Amino acid sequence: MTAAGPRSGDDTCDLIDDALYRLAERRGKWLGDPLAAITLIASLIDQAGRMLPEHVLLALDDDATWHDIATALATSPEQAKLRYSPDSPVADTRWPYNW
């Protein structure tokens, strides 16, 4: 199993713009306010980061290797394992362990 690494492009930019606009609407914020936009973008980044540990565990359950996961994250297998292995003392434990 091999995953392509992350990439940005017009499709990603369009989706982020849509998510940012919708989040601003939900929270009653104006995207013309730079601090509000920063806060909203940081919220999207944080939420996406909270989703990664669960998907790493799902990938491992689906027989992905740490090399496969590292490729998908654009990092080394050692760094991926250090950050996402439940056995790691510095693992990102925000999700699925707590919400």
PDB file of N, CA and C in Angstrom:
ATOM      1  N   MET A   1       0.850  -1.166   0.000  1.00  0.00           N
ATOM      2  CA  MET A   1       0.000   0.000   0.000  1.00  0.00           C
ATOM      3  C   MET A   1       0.900   1.235   0.000  1.00  0.00           C
ATOM      4  N   THR A   2       0.700   2.087  -0.982  1.00  0.00           N
ATOM      5  CA  THR A   2       1.506   3.300  -1.060  1.00  0.00           C
ATOM      6  C   THR A   2       0.589   4.494  -1.248  1.00  0.00           C
ATOM      7  N   ALA A   3       0.804   5.494  -0.451  1.00  0.00           N
ATOM      8  CA  ALA A   3       0.006   6.713  -0.546  1.00  0.00           C
ATOM      9  C   ALA A   3       0.855   7.814  -1.148  1.00  0.00           C
ATOM     10  N   ALA A   4       0.208   8.675  -1.898  1.00  0.00           N
ATOM     11  CA  ALA A   4       0.910   9.842  -2.423  1.00  0.00           C
ATOM     12  C   ALA A   4       1.078  10.849  -1.299  1.00  0.00           C
ATOM     13  N   GLY A   5       2.135  11.616  -1.376  1.00  0.00           N
ATOM     14  CA  GLY A   5       2.372  12.633  -0.361  1.00  0.00           C
ATOM     15  C   GLY A   5       1.407  13.796  -0.496  1.00  0.00           C
ATOM     16  N   PRO A   6       1.360  14.644   0.503  1.00  0.00           N
ATOM     17  CA  PRO A   6       0.445  15.782   0.449  1.00  0.00           C
ATOM     18  C   PRO A   6       0.857  16.764  -0.638  1.00  0.00           C
ATOM     19  N   ARG A   7      -0.134  17.428  -1.186  1.00  0.00           N
ATOM     20  CA  ARG A   7       0.151  18.467  -2.175  1.00  0.00           C
ATOM     21  C   ARG A   7      -0.949  19.513  -2.110  1.00  0.00           C
ATOM     22  N   SER A   8      -0.603  20.702  -2.450  1.00  0.00           N
ATOM     23  CA  SER A   8      -1.568  21.791  -2.505  1.00  0.00           C
ATOM     24  C   SER A   8      -1.756  22.191  -3.952  1.00  0.00           C
ATOM     25  N   GLY A   9      -2.913  22.687  -4.238  1.00  0.00           N
ATOM     26  CA  GLY A   9      -3.215  23.144  -5.586  1.00  0.00           C
ATOM     27  C   GLY A   9      -4.519  23.893  -5.578  1.00  0.00           C
ATOM     28  N   ASP A  10      -5.021  24.176  -6.755  1.00  0.00           N
ATOM     29  CA  ASP A  10      -6.265  24.931  -6.870  1.00  0.00           C
ATOM     30  C   ASP A  10      -7.419  24.232  -6.168  1.00  0.00           C
ATOM     31  N   ASP A  11      -7.464  22.893  -6.271  1.00  0.00           N
ATOM     32  CA  ASP A  11      -8.557  22.160  -5.628  1.00  0.00           C
ATOM     33  C   ASP A  11      -8.503  22.317  -4.110  1.00  0.00           C
ATOM     34  N   THR A  12      -7.317  22.206  -3.541  1.00  0.00           N
ATOM     35  CA  THR A  12      -7.157  22.361  -2.100  1.00  0.00           C
ATOM     36  C   THR A  12      -7.477  23.790  -1.673  1.00  0.00           C
ATOM     37  N   CYS A  13      -6.996  24.743  -2.413  1.00  0.00           N
ATOM     38  CA  CYS A  13      -7.250  26.155  -2.091  1.00  0.00           C
ATOM     39  C   CYS A  13      -8.751  26.445  -2.122  1.00  0.00           C
ATOM     40  N   ASP A  14      -9.439  25.935  -3.133  1.00  0.00           N
ATOM     41  CA  ASP A  14     -10.890  26.155  -3.221  1.00  0.00           C
ATOM     42  C   ASP A  14     -11.613  25.555  -2.022  1.00  0.00           C
ATOM     43  N   LEU A  15     -11.228  24.349  -1.621  1.00  0.00           N
ATOM     44  CA  LEU A  15     -11.876  23.710  -0.476  1.00  0.00           C
ATOM     45  C   LEU A  15     -11.615  24.459   0.822  1.00  0.00           C
ATOM     46  N   ILE A  16     -10.396  24.917   1.004  1.00  0.00           N
ATOM     47  CA  ILE A  16     -10.060  25.679   2.208  1.00  0.00           C
ATOM     48  C   ILE A  16     -10.829  27.002   2.220  1.00  0.00           C
ATOM     49  N   ASP A  17     -10.886  27.665   1.076  1.00  0.00           N
ATOM     50  CA  ASP A  17     -11.654  28.907   1.002  1.00  0.00           C
ATOM     51  C   ASP A  17     -13.112  28.668   1.370  1.00  0.00           C
ATOM     52  N   ASP A  18     -13.697  27.595   0.838  1.00  0.00           N
ATOM     53  CA  ASP A  18     -15.089  27.267   1.153  1.00  0.00           C
ATOM     54  C   ASP A  18     -15.264  26.979   2.641  1.00  0.00           C
ATOM     55  N   ALA A  19     -14.353  26.181   3.209  1.00  0.00           N
ATOM     56  CA  ALA A  19     -14.438  25.848   4.635  1.00  0.00           C
ATOM     57  C   ALA A  19     -14.277  27.100   5.484  1.00  0.00           C
ATOM     58  N   LEU A  20     -13.365  27.960   5.100  1.00  0.00           N
ATOM     59  CA  LEU A  20     -13.132  29.203   5.843  1.00  0.00           C
ATOM     60  C   LEU A  20     -14.379  30.097   5.803  1.00  0.00           C
ATOM     61  N   TYR A  21     -14.967  30.233   4.638  1.00  0.00           N
ATOM     62  CA  TYR A  21     -16.174  31.042   4.492  1.00  0.00           C
ATOM     63  C   TYR A  21     -17.318  30.474   5.332  1.00  0.00           C
ATOM     64  N   ARG A  22     -17.516  29.160   5.273  1.00  0.00           N
ATOM     65  CA  ARG A  22     -18.604  28.532   6.024  1.00  0.00           C
ATOM     66  C   ARG A  22     -18.383  28.636   7.534  1.00  0.00           C
ATOM     67  N   LEU A  23     -17.132  28.461   7.968  1.00  0.00           N
ATOM     68  CA  LEU A  23     -16.836  28.584   9.390  1.00  0.00           C
ATOM     69  C   LEU A  23     -17.078  30.022   9.863  1.00  0.00           C
ATOM     70  N   ALA A  24     -16.685  30.994   9.050  1.00  0.00           N
ATOM     71  CA  ALA A  24     -16.917  32.401   9.392  1.00  0.00           C
ATOM     72  C   ALA A  24     -18.414  32.670   9.528  1.00  0.00           C
ATOM     73  N   GLU A  25     -19.201  32.124   8.614  1.00  0.00           N
ATOM     74  CA  GLU A  25     -20.660  32.285   8.707  1.00  0.00           C
ATOM     75  C   GLU A  25     -21.201  31.685   9.999  1.00  0.00           C
ATOM     76  N   ARG A  26     -20.766  30.478  10.317  1.00  0.00           N
ATOM     77  CA  ARG A  26     -21.260  29.792  11.523  1.00  0.00           C
ATOM     78  C   ARG A  26     -20.896  30.531  12.796  1.00  0.00           C
ATOM     79  N   ARG A  27     -19.729  31.140  12.803  1.00  0.00           N
ATOM     80  CA  ARG A  27     -19.261  31.817  14.011  1.00  0.00           C
ATOM     81  C   ARG A  27     -19.558  33.314  14.012  1.00  0.00           C
ATOM     82  N   GLY A  28     -20.219  33.783  12.956  1.00  0.00           N
ATOM     83  CA  GLY A  28     -20.564  35.193  12.880  1.00  0.00           C
ATOM     84  C   GLY A  28     -19.349  36.103  12.784  1.00  0.00           C
ATOM     85  N   LYS A  29     -18.319  35.656  12.069  1.00  0.00           N
ATOM     86  CA  LYS A  29     -17.086  36.441  11.920  1.00  0.00           C
ATOM     87  C   LYS A  29     -17.003  37.021  10.518  1.00  0.00           C
ATOM     88  N   TRP A  30     -16.270  38.093  10.394  1.00  0.00           N
ATOM     89  CA  TRP A  30     -16.071  38.765   9.111  1.00  0.00           C
ATOM     90  C   TRP A  30     -14.663  38.458   8.616  1.00  0.00           C
ATOM     91  N   LEU A  31     -14.561  37.854   7.438  1.00  0.00           N
ATOM     92  CA  LEU A  31     -13.250  37.472   6.909  1.00  0.00           C
ATOM     93  C   LEU A  31     -12.394  38.674   6.512  1.00  0.00           C
ATOM     94  N   GLY A  32     -12.996  39.857   6.440  1.00  0.00           N
ATOM     95  CA  GLY A  32     -12.214  41.053   6.169  1.00  0.00           C
ATOM     96  C   GLY A  32     -11.388  41.504   7.372  1.00  0.00           C
ATOM     97  N   ASP A  33     -11.660  40.922   8.525  1.00  0.00           N
ATOM     98  CA  ASP A  33     -10.883  41.199   9.738  1.00  0.00           C
ATOM     99  C   ASP A  33      -9.724  40.204   9.774  1.00  0.00           C
ATOM    100  N   PRO A  34      -8.489  40.674   9.589  1.00  0.00           N
ATOM    101  CA  PRO A  34      -7.347  39.753   9.525  1.00  0.00           C
ATOM    102  C   PRO A  34      -7.201  38.859  10.754  1.00  0.00           C
ATOM    103  N   LEU A  35      -7.464  39.395  11.952  1.00  0.00           N
ATOM    104  CA  LEU A  35      -7.340  38.565  13.159  1.00  0.00           C
ATOM    105  C   LEU A  35      -8.421  37.490  13.199  1.00  0.00           C
ATOM    106  N   ALA A  36      -9.611  37.826  12.759  1.00  0.00           N
ATOM    107  CA  ALA A  36     -10.671  36.816  12.693  1.00  0.00           C
ATOM    108  C   ALA A  36     -10.285  35.741  11.685  1.00  0.00           C
ATOM    109  N   ALA A  37      -9.771  36.140  10.535  1.00  0.00           N
ATOM    110  CA  ALA A  37      -9.355  35.166   9.516  1.00  0.00           C
ATOM    111  C   ALA A  37      -8.247  34.263  10.049  1.00  0.00           C
ATOM    112  N   ILE A  38      -7.284  34.830  10.751  1.00  0.00           N
ATOM    113  CA  ILE A  38      -6.198  34.029  11.327  1.00  0.00           C
ATOM    114  C   ILE A  38      -6.759  33.002  12.302  1.00  0.00           C
ATOM    115  N   THR A  39      -7.673  33.459  13.165  1.00  0.00           N
ATOM    116  CA  THR A  39      -8.272  32.557  14.151  1.00  0.00           C
ATOM    117  C   THR A  39      -9.034  31.425  13.469  1.00  0.00           C
ATOM    118  N   LEU A  40      -9.776  31.749  12.435  1.00  0.00           N
ATOM    119  CA  LEU A  40     -10.546  30.731  11.718  1.00  0.00           C
ATOM    120  C   LEU A  40      -9.630  29.744  10.998  1.00  0.00           C
ATOM    121  N   ILE A  41      -8.586  30.244  10.369  1.00  0.00           N
ATOM    122  CA  ILE A  41      -7.629  29.364   9.688  1.00  0.00           C
ATOM    123  C   ILE A  41      -6.947  28.458  10.710  1.00  0.00           C
ATOM    124  N   ALA A  42      -6.558  29.027  11.847  1.00  0.00           N
ATOM    125  CA  ALA A  42      -5.929  28.221  12.902  1.00  0.00           C
ATOM    126  C   ALA A  42      -6.890  27.155  13.411  1.00  0.00           C
ATOM    127  N   SER A  43      -8.177  27.481  13.480  1.00  0.00           N
ATOM    128  CA  SER A  43      -9.176  26.492  13.895  1.00  0.00           C
ATOM    129  C   SER A  43      -9.247  25.326  12.908  1.00  0.00           C
ATOM    130  N   LEU A  44      -9.220  25.631  11.619  1.00  0.00           N
ATOM    131  CA  LEU A  44      -9.247  24.571  10.604  1.00  0.00           C
ATOM    132  C   LEU A  44      -7.989  23.699  10.678  1.00  0.00           C
ATOM    133  N   ILE A  45      -6.847  24.340  10.865  1.00  0.00           N
ATOM    134  CA  ILE A  45      -5.594  23.596  10.990  1.00  0.00           C
ATOM    135  C   ILE A  45      -5.638  22.687  12.211  1.00  0.00           C
ATOM    136  N   ASP A  46      -6.100  23.224  13.340  1.00  0.00           N
ATOM    137  CA  ASP A  46      -6.171  22.436  14.568  1.00  0.00           C
ATOM    138  C   ASP A  46      -7.099  21.239  14.397  1.00  0.00           C
ATOM    139  N   GLN A  47      -8.252  21.465  13.797  1.00  0.00           N
ATOM    140  CA  GLN A  47      -9.199  20.369  13.628  1.00  0.00           C
ATOM    141  C   GLN A  47      -8.644  19.298  12.691  1.00  0.00           C
ATOM    142  N   ALA A  48      -7.998  19.711  11.614  1.00  0.00           N
ATOM    143  CA  ALA A  48      -7.394  18.743  10.700  1.00  0.00           C
ATOM    144  C   ALA A  48      -6.316  17.936  11.431  1.00  0.00           C
ATOM    145  N   GLY A  49      -5.525  18.608  12.249  1.00  0.00           N
ATOM    146  CA  GLY A  49      -4.500  17.914  13.029  1.00  0.00           C
ATOM    147  C   GLY A  49      -5.084  16.909  14.000  1.00  0.00           C
ATOM    148  N   ARG A  50      -6.245  17.221  14.557  1.00  0.00           N
ATOM    149  CA  ARG A  50      -6.909  16.303  15.489  1.00  0.00           C
ATOM    150  C   ARG A  50      -7.425  15.057  14.781  1.00  0.00           C
ATOM    151  N   MET A  51      -7.619  15.137  13.487  1.00  0.00           N
ATOM    152  CA  MET A  51      -8.127  13.997  12.738  1.00  0.00           C
ATOM    153  C   MET A  51      -7.024  13.026  12.330  1.00  0.00           C
ATOM    154  N   LEU A  52      -5.798  13.497  12.257  1.00  0.00           N
ATOM    155  CA  LEU A  52      -4.700  12.654  11.779  1.00  0.00           C
ATOM    156  C   LEU A  52      -4.434  11.406  12.624  1.00  0.00           C
ATOM    157  N   PRO A  53      -4.357  11.489  13.957  1.00  0.00           N
ATOM    158  CA  PRO A  53      -4.053  10.276  14.720  1.00  0.00           C
ATOM    159  C   PRO A  53      -5.036   9.136  14.456  1.00  0.00           C
ATOM    160  N   GLU A  54      -6.309   9.444  14.368  1.00  0.00           N
ATOM    161  CA  GLU A  54      -7.293   8.395  14.093  1.00  0.00           C
ATOM    162  C   GLU A  54      -7.029   7.746  12.741  1.00  0.00           C
ATOM    163  N   HIS A  55      -6.738   8.557  11.746  1.00  0.00           N
ATOM    164  CA  HIS A  55      -6.524   8.012  10.406  1.00  0.00           C
ATOM    165  C   HIS A  55      -5.211   7.247  10.304  1.00  0.00           C
ATOM    166  N   VAL A  56      -4.222   7.652  11.079  1.00  0.00           N
ATOM    167  CA  VAL A  56      -2.980   6.869  11.134  1.00  0.00           C
ATOM    168  C   VAL A  56      -3.281   5.488  11.703  1.00  0.00           C
ATOM    169  N   LEU A  57      -4.050   5.433  12.793  1.00  0.00           N
ATOM    170  CA  LEU A  57      -4.401   4.129  13.372  1.00  0.00           C
ATOM    171  C   LEU A  57      -5.225   3.294  12.397  1.00  0.00           C
ATOM    172  N   LEU A  58      -6.140   3.921  11.683  1.00  0.00           N
ATOM    173  CA  LEU A  58      -6.926   3.194  10.678  1.00  0.00           C
ATOM    174  C   LEU A  58      -6.027   2.651   9.568  1.00  0.00           C
ATOM    175  N   ALA A  59      -5.058   3.457   9.154  1.00  0.00           N
ATOM    176  CA  ALA A  59      -4.125   3.007   8.113  1.00  0.00           C
ATOM    177  C   ALA A  59      -3.293   1.828   8.605  1.00  0.00           C
ATOM    178  N   LEU A  60      -2.831   1.901   9.848  1.00  0.00           N
ATOM    179  CA  LEU A  60      -2.069   0.785  10.415  1.00  0.00           C
ATOM    180  C   LEU A  60      -2.933  -0.480  10.479  1.00  0.00           C
ATOM    181  N   ASP A  61      -4.196  -0.323  10.877  1.00  0.00           N
ATOM    182  CA  ASP A  61      -5.121  -1.458  10.914  1.00  0.00           C
ATOM    183  C   ASP A  61      -5.363  -2.025   9.523  1.00  0.00           C
ATOM    184  N   ASP A  62      -5.175  -1.183   8.509  1.00  0.00           N
ATOM    185  CA  ASP A  62      -5.377  -1.597   7.117  1.00  0.00           C
ATOM    186  C   ASP A  62      -4.053  -2.039   6.478  1.00  0.00           C
ATOM    187  N   ASP A  63      -3.076  -2.388   7.337  1.00  0.00           N
ATOM    188  CA  ASP A  63      -1.770  -2.923   6.911  1.00  0.00           C
ATOM    189  C   ASP A  63      -0.824  -1.916   6.268  1.00  0.00           C
ATOM    190  N   ALA A  64      -1.040  -0.625   6.482  1.00  0.00           N
ATOM    191  CA  ALA A  64      -0.059   0.358   6.030  1.00  0.00           C
ATOM    192  C   ALA A  64       1.177   0.238   6.913  1.00  0.00           C
ATOM    193  N   THR A  65       2.317   0.549   6.352  1.00  0.00           N
ATOM    194  CA  THR A  65       3.561   0.560   7.123  1.00  0.00           C
ATOM    195  C   THR A  65       3.840   1.989   7.577  1.00  0.00           C
ATOM    196  N   TRP A  66       4.789   2.131   8.503  1.00  0.00           N
ATOM    197  CA  TRP A  66       5.188   3.475   8.907  1.00  0.00           C
ATOM    198  C   TRP A  66       5.799   4.227   7.734  1.00  0.00           C
ATOM    199  N   HIS A  67       6.417   3.515   6.809  1.00  0.00           N
ATOM    200  CA  HIS A  67       6.946   4.159   5.596  1.00  0.00           C
ATOM    201  C   HIS A  67       5.803   4.732   4.759  1.00  0.00           C
ATOM    202  N   ASP A  68       4.719   3.961   4.593  1.00  0.00           N
ATOM    203  CA  ASP A  68       3.550   4.442   3.842  1.00  0.00           C
ATOM    204  C   ASP A  68       2.964   5.689   4.496  1.00  0.00           C
ATOM    205  N   ILE A  69       2.817   5.639   5.805  1.00  0.00           N
ATOM    206  CA  ILE A  69       2.241   6.760   6.544  1.00  0.00           C
ATOM    207  C   ILE A  69       3.153   7.976   6.451  1.00  0.00           C
ATOM    208  N   ALA A  70       4.449   7.754   6.585  1.00  0.00           N
ATOM    209  CA  ALA A  70       5.403   8.865   6.490  1.00  0.00           C
ATOM    210  C   ALA A  70       5.349   9.513   5.112  1.00  0.00           C
ATOM    211  N   THR A  71       5.219   8.708   4.070  1.00  0.00           N
ATOM    212  CA  THR A  71       5.111   9.253   2.714  1.00  0.00           C
ATOM    213  C   THR A  71       3.867  10.126   2.597  1.00  0.00           C
ATOM    214  N   ALA A  72       2.747   9.651   3.151  1.00  0.00           N
ATOM    215  CA  ALA A  72       1.504  10.415   3.102  1.00  0.00           C
ATOM    216  C   ALA A  72       1.615  11.729   3.875  1.00  0.00           C
ATOM    217  N   LEU A  73       2.436  11.744   4.922  1.00  0.00           N
ATOM    218  CA  LEU A  73       2.622  12.935   5.754  1.00  0.00           C
ATOM    219  C   LEU A  73       3.809  13.792   5.321  1.00  0.00           C
ATOM    220  N   ALA A  74       4.570  13.333   4.342  1.00  0.00           N
ATOM    221  CA  ALA A  74       5.782  14.029   3.889  1.00  0.00           C
ATOM    222  C   ALA A  74       6.790  14.189   5.022  1.00  0.00           C
ATOM    223  N   THR A  75       7.049  13.077   5.703  1.00  0.00           N
ATOM    224  CA  THR A  75       8.028  13.069   6.787  1.00  0.00           C
ATOM    225  C   THR A  75       8.755  11.727   6.762  1.00  0.00           C
ATOM    226  N   SER A  76       9.584  11.484   7.731  1.00  0.00           N
ATOM    227  CA  SER A  76      10.294  10.208   7.815  1.00  0.00           C
ATOM    228  C   SER A  76       9.465   9.203   8.615  1.00  0.00           C
ATOM    229  N   PRO A  77       9.689   7.911   8.402  1.00  0.00           N
ATOM    230  CA  PRO A  77       8.981   6.912   9.205  1.00  0.00           C
ATOM    231  C   PRO A  77       9.239   7.088  10.704  1.00  0.00           C
ATOM    232  N   GLU A  78      10.450   7.465  11.054  1.00  0.00           N
ATOM    233  CA  GLU A  78      10.775   7.662  12.469  1.00  0.00           C
ATOM    234  C   GLU A  78       9.961   8.805  13.069  1.00  0.00           C
ATOM    235  N   GLN A  79       9.856   9.901  12.328  1.00  0.00           N
ATOM    236  CA  GLN A  79       9.089  11.047  12.823  1.00  0.00           C
ATOM    237  C   GLN A  79       7.595  10.743  12.887  1.00  0.00           C
ATOM    238  N   ALA A  80       7.093  10.023  11.889  1.00  0.00           N
ATOM    239  CA  ALA A  80       5.671   9.649  11.893  1.00  0.00           C
ATOM    240  C   ALA A  80       5.358   8.763  13.090  1.00  0.00           C
ATOM    241  N   LYS A  81       6.204   7.779  13.334  1.00  0.00           N
ATOM    242  CA  LYS A  81       5.988   6.870  14.459  1.00  0.00           C
ATOM    243  C   LYS A  81       6.107   7.611  15.791  1.00  0.00           C
ATOM    244  N   LEU A  82       7.074   8.492  15.890  1.00  0.00           N
ATOM    245  CA  LEU A  82       7.255   9.261  17.114  1.00  0.00           C
ATOM    246  C   LEU A  82       6.017  10.112  17.409  1.00  0.00           C
ATOM    247  N   ARG A  83       5.434  10.686  16.374  1.00  0.00           N
ATOM    248  CA  ARG A  83       4.301  11.582  16.581  1.00  0.00           C
ATOM    249  C   ARG A  83       2.972  10.852  16.741  1.00  0.00           C
ATOM    250  N   TYR A  84       2.806   9.692  16.079  1.00  0.00           N
ATOM    251  CA  TYR A  84       1.482   9.082  16.032  1.00  0.00           C
ATOM    252  C   TYR A  84       1.360   7.685  16.629  1.00  0.00           C
ATOM    253  N   SER A  85       2.444   7.040  16.966  1.00  0.00           N
ATOM    254  CA  SER A  85       2.321   5.718  17.580  1.00  0.00           C
ATOM    255  C   SER A  85       1.765   5.854  18.991  1.00  0.00           C
ATOM    256  N   PRO A  86       0.730   5.072  19.324  1.00  0.00           N
ATOM    257  CA  PRO A  86       0.194   5.133  20.685  1.00  0.00           C
ATOM    258  C   PRO A  86       1.241   4.791  21.751  1.00  0.00           C
ATOM    259  N   ASP A  87       2.308   4.116  21.349  1.00  0.00           N
ATOM    260  CA  ASP A  87       3.373   3.742  22.281  1.00  0.00           C
ATOM    261  C   ASP A  87       4.419   4.843  22.474  1.00  0.00           C
ATOM    262  N   SER A  88       4.330   5.899  21.680  1.00  0.00           N
ATOM    263  CA  SER A  88       5.317   6.967  21.757  1.00  0.00           C
ATOM    264  C   SER A  88       5.024   7.881  22.943  1.00  0.00           C
ATOM    265  N   PRO A  89       6.065   8.273  23.691  1.00  0.00           N
ATOM    266  CA  PRO A  89       5.849   9.173  24.825  1.00  0.00           C
ATOM    267  C   PRO A  89       5.479  10.595  24.391  1.00  0.00           C
ATOM    268  N   VAL A  90       5.680  10.930  23.126  1.00  0.00           N
ATOM    269  CA  VAL A  90       5.357  12.281  22.654  1.00  0.00           C
ATOM    270  C   VAL A  90       4.266  12.264  21.582  1.00  0.00           C
ATOM    271  N   ALA A  91       3.529  11.180  21.485  1.00  0.00           N
ATOM    272  CA  ALA A  91       2.498  11.049  20.453  1.00  0.00           C
ATOM    273  C   ALA A  91       1.421  12.108  20.597  1.00  0.00           C
ATOM    274  N   ASP A  92       0.860  12.482  19.474  1.00  0.00           N
ATOM    275  CA  ASP A  92      -0.291  13.383  19.444  1.00  0.00           C
ATOM    276  C   ASP A  92      -1.494  12.571  19.892  1.00  0.00           C
ATOM    277  N   THR A  93      -1.965  12.826  21.095  1.00  0.00           N
ATOM    278  CA  THR A  93      -3.030  12.009  21.675  1.00  0.00           C
ATOM    279  C   THR A  93      -4.373  12.727  21.736  1.00  0.00           C
ATOM    280  N   ARG A  94      -4.490  13.844  21.039  1.00  0.00           N
ATOM    281  CA  ARG A  94      -5.746  14.601  21.112  1.00  0.00           C
ATOM    282  C   ARG A  94      -6.929  13.797  20.583  1.00  0.00           C
ATOM    283  N   TRP A  95      -6.745  13.035  19.559  1.00  0.00           N
ATOM    284  CA  TRP A  95      -7.818  12.268  18.932  1.00  0.00           C
ATOM    285  C   TRP A  95      -7.173  11.052  18.315  1.00  0.00           C
ATOM    286  N   PRO A  96      -7.659   9.888  18.477  1.00  0.00           N
ATOM    287  CA  PRO A  96      -9.005   9.529  18.926  1.00  0.00           C
ATOM    288  C   PRO A  96      -9.121   9.376  20.436  1.00  0.00           C
ATOM    289  N   TYR A  97      -8.098   9.705  21.170  1.00  0.00           N
ATOM    290  CA  TYR A  97      -8.090   9.450  22.598  1.00  0.00           C
ATOM    291  C   TYR A  97      -8.928  10.418  23.395  1.00  0.00           C
ATOM    292  N   ASN A  98      -9.037  11.653  22.944  1.00  0.00           N
ATOM    293  CA  ASN A  98      -9.962  12.594  23.583  1.00  0.00           C
ATOM    294  C   ASN A  98     -10.463  13.573  22.548  1.00  0.00           C
ATOM    295  N   TRP A  99     -11.568  14.143  22.793  1.00  0.00           N
ATOM    296  CA  TRP A  99     -12.196  15.023  21.811  1.00  0.00           C
ATOM    297  C   TRP A  99     -12.379  16.366  22.341  1.00  0.00           C
TER     298      TRP A  99
END
